[in-house]
Amino acid sequence: MSEFLEQIEHVVDSILPDKDELVHKEHPKTDYIMLIVRNLLVGVATVFFLLSFFFEDAHHILRAVGYFGGAGAYLFECLLLTDCFRVRVAHKELFMVYCLGPLYLIMGLGYVLK
């Protein structure tokens, strides 16, 4: 059992960002919290997508929550890249965020409205 806990600890350590690697030094706590929230939303999206394969009767809701989690992760990614919209970033760097964030939101709404 301790080996399993060590593996979980290793996974958590690899997921949490290093405070030394943060891009914006003006507000490192905010950036760190946003990185953790983004990673948690990605994890939520992953878990709900995987659960949707096993629960046929609730797969629409599970996928909707997964897509909303993904859209939230892209929102936090946009906030991190643009320093909460204070820094202008080239559109070619934000293309994926601009396309997939709203797409995930629309797909989540599509599953809710089915």
N, C-alpha and C. Protein backbone atom coordinates (compact mmCIF):
# COMPACT_ATOMS: atom_id res chain seq x y z
N MET A 1 0.82 -1.19 0.00
CA MET A 1 0.00 0.00 0.00
C MET A 1 0.86 1.26 0.00
N SER A 2 1.99 1.24 0.67
CA SER A 2 2.85 2.42 0.72
C SER A 2 3.43 2.73 -0.66
N GLU A 3 3.68 1.69 -1.46
CA GLU A 3 4.18 1.92 -2.82
C GLU A 3 3.12 2.65 -3.65
N PHE A 4 1.86 2.29 -3.46
CA PHE A 4 0.76 2.97 -4.16
C PHE A 4 0.69 4.44 -3.75
N LEU A 5 0.83 4.71 -2.45
CA LEU A 5 0.81 6.09 -1.98
C LEU A 5 2.00 6.88 -2.50
N GLU A 6 3.14 6.24 -2.62
CA GLU A 6 4.31 6.90 -3.19
C GLU A 6 4.08 7.25 -4.66
N GLN A 7 3.41 6.37 -5.39
CA GLN A 7 3.11 6.66 -6.79
C GLN A 7 2.15 7.83 -6.90
N ILE A 8 1.15 7.87 -6.03
CA ILE A 8 0.20 9.00 -6.03
C ILE A 8 0.93 10.29 -5.70
N GLU A 9 1.80 10.26 -4.73
CA GLU A 9 2.57 11.44 -4.36
C GLU A 9 3.44 11.91 -5.52
N HIS A 10 4.03 10.97 -6.24
CA HIS A 10 4.85 11.32 -7.40
C HIS A 10 4.01 11.98 -8.50
N VAL A 11 2.82 11.44 -8.73
CA VAL A 11 1.93 12.02 -9.75
C VAL A 11 1.51 13.43 -9.35
N VAL A 12 1.14 13.62 -8.09
CA VAL A 12 0.73 14.95 -7.62
C VAL A 12 1.88 15.93 -7.72
N ASP A 13 3.08 15.51 -7.36
CA ASP A 13 4.25 16.38 -7.47
C ASP A 13 4.53 16.77 -8.92
N SER A 14 4.30 15.87 -9.85
CA SER A 14 4.56 16.19 -11.25
C SER A 14 3.48 17.09 -11.84
N ILE A 15 2.28 17.08 -11.25
CA ILE A 15 1.18 17.91 -11.75
C ILE A 15 1.28 19.34 -11.22
N LEU A 16 1.66 19.48 -9.96
CA LEU A 16 1.74 20.82 -9.38
C LEU A 16 2.88 21.61 -10.02
N PRO A 17 2.61 22.85 -10.41
CA PRO A 17 3.68 23.65 -11.03
C PRO A 17 4.69 24.12 -10.00
N ASP A 18 5.90 24.35 -10.47
CA ASP A 18 6.94 24.91 -9.61
C ASP A 18 6.76 26.42 -9.53
N LYS A 19 6.82 26.95 -8.33
CA LYS A 19 6.65 28.39 -8.17
C LYS A 19 7.79 29.16 -8.83
N ASP A 20 8.95 28.54 -8.98
CA ASP A 20 10.10 29.21 -9.58
C ASP A 20 9.93 29.40 -11.09
N GLU A 21 9.08 28.61 -11.71
CA GLU A 21 8.92 28.66 -13.16
C GLU A 21 7.79 29.57 -13.61
N LEU A 22 7.18 30.29 -12.71
CA LEU A 22 6.07 31.15 -13.09
C LEU A 22 6.56 32.30 -13.98
N VAL A 23 5.73 32.65 -14.94
CA VAL A 23 6.12 33.65 -15.92
C VAL A 23 6.05 35.06 -15.34
N HIS A 24 4.99 35.38 -14.65
CA HIS A 24 4.76 36.73 -14.15
C HIS A 24 5.17 36.81 -12.68
N LYS A 25 6.23 37.51 -12.41
CA LYS A 25 6.75 37.58 -11.04
C LYS A 25 6.02 38.60 -10.19
N GLU A 26 5.14 39.43 -10.79
CA GLU A 26 4.46 40.47 -10.02
C GLU A 26 3.44 39.88 -9.04
N HIS A 27 2.79 38.80 -9.44
CA HIS A 27 1.78 38.19 -8.59
C HIS A 27 1.89 36.67 -8.66
N PRO A 28 2.93 36.13 -8.04
CA PRO A 28 3.17 34.68 -8.15
C PRO A 28 2.09 33.83 -7.49
N LYS A 29 1.48 34.31 -6.40
CA LYS A 29 0.45 33.51 -5.74
C LYS A 29 -0.76 33.34 -6.63
N THR A 30 -1.18 34.42 -7.29
CA THR A 30 -2.34 34.35 -8.17
C THR A 30 -2.05 33.42 -9.35
N ASP A 31 -0.88 33.54 -9.95
CA ASP A 31 -0.52 32.65 -11.05
C ASP A 31 -0.49 31.20 -10.60
N TYR A 32 0.07 30.96 -9.43
CA TYR A 32 0.16 29.60 -8.91
C TYR A 32 -1.23 29.01 -8.68
N ILE A 33 -2.12 29.80 -8.11
CA ILE A 33 -3.49 29.32 -7.86
C ILE A 33 -4.21 29.06 -9.18
N MET A 34 -4.02 29.96 -10.15
CA MET A 34 -4.67 29.76 -11.45
C MET A 34 -4.14 28.52 -12.16
N LEU A 35 -2.84 28.24 -12.03
CA LEU A 35 -2.29 27.02 -12.61
C LEU A 35 -2.88 25.77 -11.96
N ILE A 36 -3.02 25.81 -10.65
CA ILE A 36 -3.60 24.66 -9.95
C ILE A 36 -5.06 24.47 -10.35
N VAL A 37 -5.81 25.56 -10.43
CA VAL A 37 -7.23 25.46 -10.82
C VAL A 37 -7.33 24.94 -12.25
N ARG A 38 -6.46 25.42 -13.14
CA ARG A 38 -6.48 24.93 -14.52
C ARG A 38 -6.21 23.43 -14.56
N ASN A 39 -5.21 22.98 -13.82
CA ASN A 39 -4.89 21.55 -13.80
C ASN A 39 -6.02 20.73 -13.19
N LEU A 40 -6.67 21.27 -12.16
CA LEU A 40 -7.81 20.57 -11.57
C LEU A 40 -8.96 20.46 -12.56
N LEU A 41 -9.22 21.53 -13.32
CA LEU A 41 -10.28 21.48 -14.31
C LEU A 41 -9.98 20.47 -15.42
N VAL A 42 -8.73 20.38 -15.81
CA VAL A 42 -8.35 19.36 -16.79
C VAL A 42 -8.57 17.96 -16.22
N GLY A 43 -8.21 17.78 -14.95
CA GLY A 43 -8.44 16.49 -14.29
C GLY A 43 -9.92 16.17 -14.18
N VAL A 44 -10.73 17.15 -13.84
CA VAL A 44 -12.19 16.95 -13.77
C VAL A 44 -12.73 16.55 -15.13
N ALA A 45 -12.29 17.25 -16.17
CA ALA A 45 -12.75 16.93 -17.52
C ALA A 45 -12.37 15.49 -17.88
N THR A 46 -11.16 15.10 -17.57
CA THR A 46 -10.71 13.75 -17.89
C THR A 46 -11.52 12.70 -17.16
N VAL A 47 -11.74 12.90 -15.87
CA VAL A 47 -12.48 11.92 -15.07
C VAL A 47 -13.92 11.80 -15.57
N PHE A 48 -14.56 12.92 -15.85
CA PHE A 48 -15.95 12.86 -16.30
C PHE A 48 -16.07 12.25 -17.69
N PHE A 49 -15.11 12.51 -18.58
CA PHE A 49 -15.14 11.85 -19.89
C PHE A 49 -14.97 10.35 -19.74
N LEU A 50 -14.07 9.92 -18.87
CA LEU A 50 -13.88 8.48 -18.66
C LEU A 50 -15.12 7.84 -18.02
N LEU A 51 -15.73 8.54 -17.07
CA LEU A 51 -16.94 8.01 -16.44
C LEU A 51 -18.09 7.89 -17.43
N SER A 52 -18.11 8.76 -18.43
CA SER A 52 -19.21 8.73 -19.40
C SER A 52 -19.22 7.44 -20.22
N PHE A 53 -18.07 6.77 -20.31
CA PHE A 53 -18.03 5.50 -21.02
C PHE A 53 -18.67 4.36 -20.22
N PHE A 54 -18.73 4.50 -18.91
CA PHE A 54 -19.21 3.42 -18.06
C PHE A 54 -20.66 3.60 -17.60
N PHE A 55 -21.18 4.80 -17.67
CA PHE A 55 -22.55 5.06 -17.23
C PHE A 55 -23.37 5.53 -18.42
N GLU A 56 -23.97 4.58 -19.09
CA GLU A 56 -24.71 4.87 -20.33
C GLU A 56 -25.91 5.78 -20.08
N ASP A 57 -26.58 5.60 -18.95
CA ASP A 57 -27.79 6.39 -18.71
C ASP A 57 -27.50 7.85 -18.38
N ALA A 58 -26.29 8.17 -17.97
CA ALA A 58 -25.96 9.55 -17.60
C ALA A 58 -24.80 10.10 -18.43
N HIS A 59 -24.52 9.48 -19.58
CA HIS A 59 -23.34 9.90 -20.32
C HIS A 59 -23.46 11.32 -20.87
N HIS A 60 -24.68 11.79 -21.16
CA HIS A 60 -24.83 13.16 -21.65
C HIS A 60 -24.41 14.18 -20.59
N ILE A 61 -24.85 13.98 -19.37
CA ILE A 61 -24.51 14.92 -18.30
C ILE A 61 -23.02 14.84 -17.97
N LEU A 62 -22.48 13.63 -17.93
CA LEU A 62 -21.07 13.47 -17.62
C LEU A 62 -20.19 14.13 -18.68
N ARG A 63 -20.56 13.96 -19.94
CA ARG A 63 -19.78 14.61 -21.00
C ARG A 63 -19.95 16.11 -20.97
N ALA A 64 -21.14 16.58 -20.65
CA ALA A 64 -21.36 18.04 -20.55
C ALA A 64 -20.47 18.63 -19.47
N VAL A 65 -20.41 17.97 -18.31
CA VAL A 65 -19.55 18.46 -17.23
C VAL A 65 -18.09 18.41 -17.66
N GLY A 66 -17.71 17.37 -18.39
CA GLY A 66 -16.35 17.27 -18.91
C GLY A 66 -16.02 18.41 -19.86
N TYR A 67 -16.94 18.71 -20.75
CA TYR A 67 -16.71 19.81 -21.69
C TYR A 67 -16.67 21.16 -20.97
N PHE A 68 -17.53 21.35 -19.98
CA PHE A 68 -17.50 22.61 -19.23
C PHE A 68 -16.18 22.74 -18.45
N GLY A 69 -15.70 21.63 -17.91
CA GLY A 69 -14.40 21.64 -17.24
C GLY A 69 -13.28 22.00 -18.21
N GLY A 70 -13.33 21.46 -19.42
CA GLY A 70 -12.34 21.79 -20.44
C GLY A 70 -12.42 23.25 -20.84
N ALA A 71 -13.63 23.77 -20.99
CA ALA A 71 -13.79 25.19 -21.33
C ALA A 71 -13.23 26.08 -20.21
N GLY A 72 -13.47 25.69 -18.97
CA GLY A 72 -12.92 26.45 -17.85
C GLY A 72 -11.40 26.40 -17.83
N ALA A 73 -10.84 25.25 -18.18
CA ALA A 73 -9.38 25.12 -18.24
C ALA A 73 -8.81 26.04 -19.32
N TYR A 74 -9.48 26.11 -20.46
CA TYR A 74 -9.01 27.02 -21.51
C TYR A 74 -9.16 28.48 -21.10
N LEU A 75 -10.19 28.80 -20.33
CA LEU A 75 -10.34 30.17 -19.83
C LEU A 75 -9.16 30.53 -18.92
N PHE A 76 -8.81 29.63 -18.01
CA PHE A 76 -7.67 29.90 -17.13
C PHE A 76 -6.36 29.93 -17.91
N GLU A 77 -6.24 29.14 -18.94
CA GLU A 77 -5.05 29.18 -19.79
C GLU A 77 -4.94 30.55 -20.47
N CYS A 78 -6.06 31.07 -20.94
CA CYS A 78 -6.06 32.40 -21.56
C CYS A 78 -5.69 33.47 -20.54
N LEU A 79 -6.23 33.36 -19.34
CA LEU A 79 -5.90 34.33 -18.29
C LEU A 79 -4.42 34.28 -17.93
N LEU A 80 -3.86 33.09 -17.89
CA LEU A 80 -2.44 32.95 -17.57
C LEU A 80 -1.56 33.50 -18.68
N LEU A 81 -1.91 33.20 -19.92
CA LEU A 81 -1.08 33.66 -21.03
C LEU A 81 -1.11 35.17 -21.21
N THR A 82 -2.26 35.77 -20.94
CA THR A 82 -2.41 37.21 -21.16
C THR A 82 -2.24 38.02 -19.89
N ASP A 83 -1.85 37.37 -18.80
CA ASP A 83 -1.71 38.04 -17.51
C ASP A 83 -3.01 38.76 -17.15
N CYS A 84 -4.09 38.00 -17.16
CA CYS A 84 -5.44 38.51 -16.88
C CYS A 84 -5.81 39.65 -17.83
N PHE A 85 -5.53 39.48 -19.10
CA PHE A 85 -5.84 40.41 -20.19
C PHE A 85 -5.08 41.73 -20.09
N ARG A 86 -3.96 41.75 -19.38
CA ARG A 86 -3.14 42.96 -19.29
C ARG A 86 -2.01 42.97 -20.31
N VAL A 87 -1.66 41.82 -20.84
CA VAL A 87 -0.56 41.71 -21.80
C VAL A 87 -1.14 41.27 -23.14
N ARG A 88 -0.73 41.95 -24.17
CA ARG A 88 -1.20 41.58 -25.51
C ARG A 88 -0.32 40.44 -26.03
N VAL A 89 -0.97 39.35 -26.41
CA VAL A 89 -0.28 38.17 -26.91
C VAL A 89 -0.71 37.97 -28.35
N ALA A 90 0.21 37.53 -29.18
CA ALA A 90 -0.10 37.31 -30.60
C ALA A 90 -1.21 36.28 -30.75
N HIS A 91 -2.09 36.53 -31.71
CA HIS A 91 -3.22 35.63 -31.92
C HIS A 91 -2.79 34.23 -32.34
N LYS A 92 -1.64 34.13 -32.99
CA LYS A 92 -1.19 32.79 -33.38
C LYS A 92 -0.82 31.95 -32.16
N GLU A 93 -0.46 32.58 -31.05
CA GLU A 93 -0.18 31.84 -29.82
C GLU A 93 -1.46 31.48 -29.08
N LEU A 94 -2.50 32.24 -29.26
CA LEU A 94 -3.76 32.00 -28.56
C LEU A 94 -4.80 31.34 -29.45
N PHE A 95 -4.44 30.92 -30.64
CA PHE A 95 -5.41 30.37 -31.58
C PHE A 95 -6.15 29.17 -31.01
N MET A 96 -5.42 28.24 -30.40
CA MET A 96 -6.05 27.06 -29.84
C MET A 96 -7.00 27.43 -28.71
N VAL A 97 -6.60 28.35 -27.85
CA VAL A 97 -7.43 28.77 -26.73
C VAL A 97 -8.71 29.42 -27.25
N TYR A 98 -8.57 30.29 -28.25
CA TYR A 98 -9.73 30.99 -28.81
C TYR A 98 -10.69 30.05 -29.52
N CYS A 99 -10.18 29.01 -30.14
CA CYS A 99 -11.05 28.08 -30.87
C CYS A 99 -11.66 27.00 -29.97
N LEU A 100 -10.82 26.34 -29.19
CA LEU A 100 -11.29 25.20 -28.44
C LEU A 100 -12.07 25.56 -27.17
N GLY A 101 -11.75 26.68 -26.54
CA GLY A 101 -12.50 27.10 -25.35
C GLY A 101 -13.98 27.28 -25.65
N PRO A 102 -14.34 28.14 -26.62
CA PRO A 102 -15.76 28.28 -26.96
C PRO A 102 -16.36 27.00 -27.54
N LEU A 103 -15.56 26.24 -28.29
CA LEU A 103 -16.07 24.98 -28.84
C LEU A 103 -16.46 24.01 -27.73
N TYR A 104 -15.64 23.90 -26.70
CA TYR A 104 -15.97 23.04 -25.56
C TYR A 104 -17.24 23.53 -24.87
N LEU A 105 -17.40 24.83 -24.76
CA LEU A 105 -18.60 25.38 -24.15
C LEU A 105 -19.83 25.04 -24.98
N ILE A 106 -19.75 25.19 -26.29
CA ILE A 106 -20.86 24.87 -27.18
C ILE A 106 -21.18 23.39 -27.14
N MET A 107 -20.15 22.55 -27.13
CA MET A 107 -20.39 21.10 -27.08
C MET A 107 -21.01 20.70 -25.75
N GLY A 108 -20.59 21.33 -24.65
CA GLY A 108 -21.21 21.05 -23.36
C GLY A 108 -22.68 21.44 -23.36
N LEU A 109 -22.99 22.59 -23.92
CA LEU A 109 -24.40 23.01 -24.03
C LEU A 109 -25.18 22.05 -24.91
N GLY A 110 -24.55 21.55 -25.97
CA GLY A 110 -25.21 20.57 -26.84
C GLY A 110 -25.58 19.31 -26.09
N TYR A 111 -24.74 18.85 -25.20
CA TYR A 111 -25.06 17.65 -24.42
C TYR A 111 -26.13 17.94 -23.36
N VAL A 112 -26.13 19.13 -22.81
CA VAL A 112 -27.15 19.47 -21.82
C VAL A 112 -28.53 19.59 -22.46
N LEU A 113 -28.57 20.14 -23.66
CA LEU A 113 -29.85 20.40 -24.34
C LEU A 113 -30.39 19.20 -25.08
N LYS A 114 -29.66 18.08 -25.13
CA LYS A 114 -30.16 16.87 -25.81
C LYS A 114 -31.29 16.24 -25.08
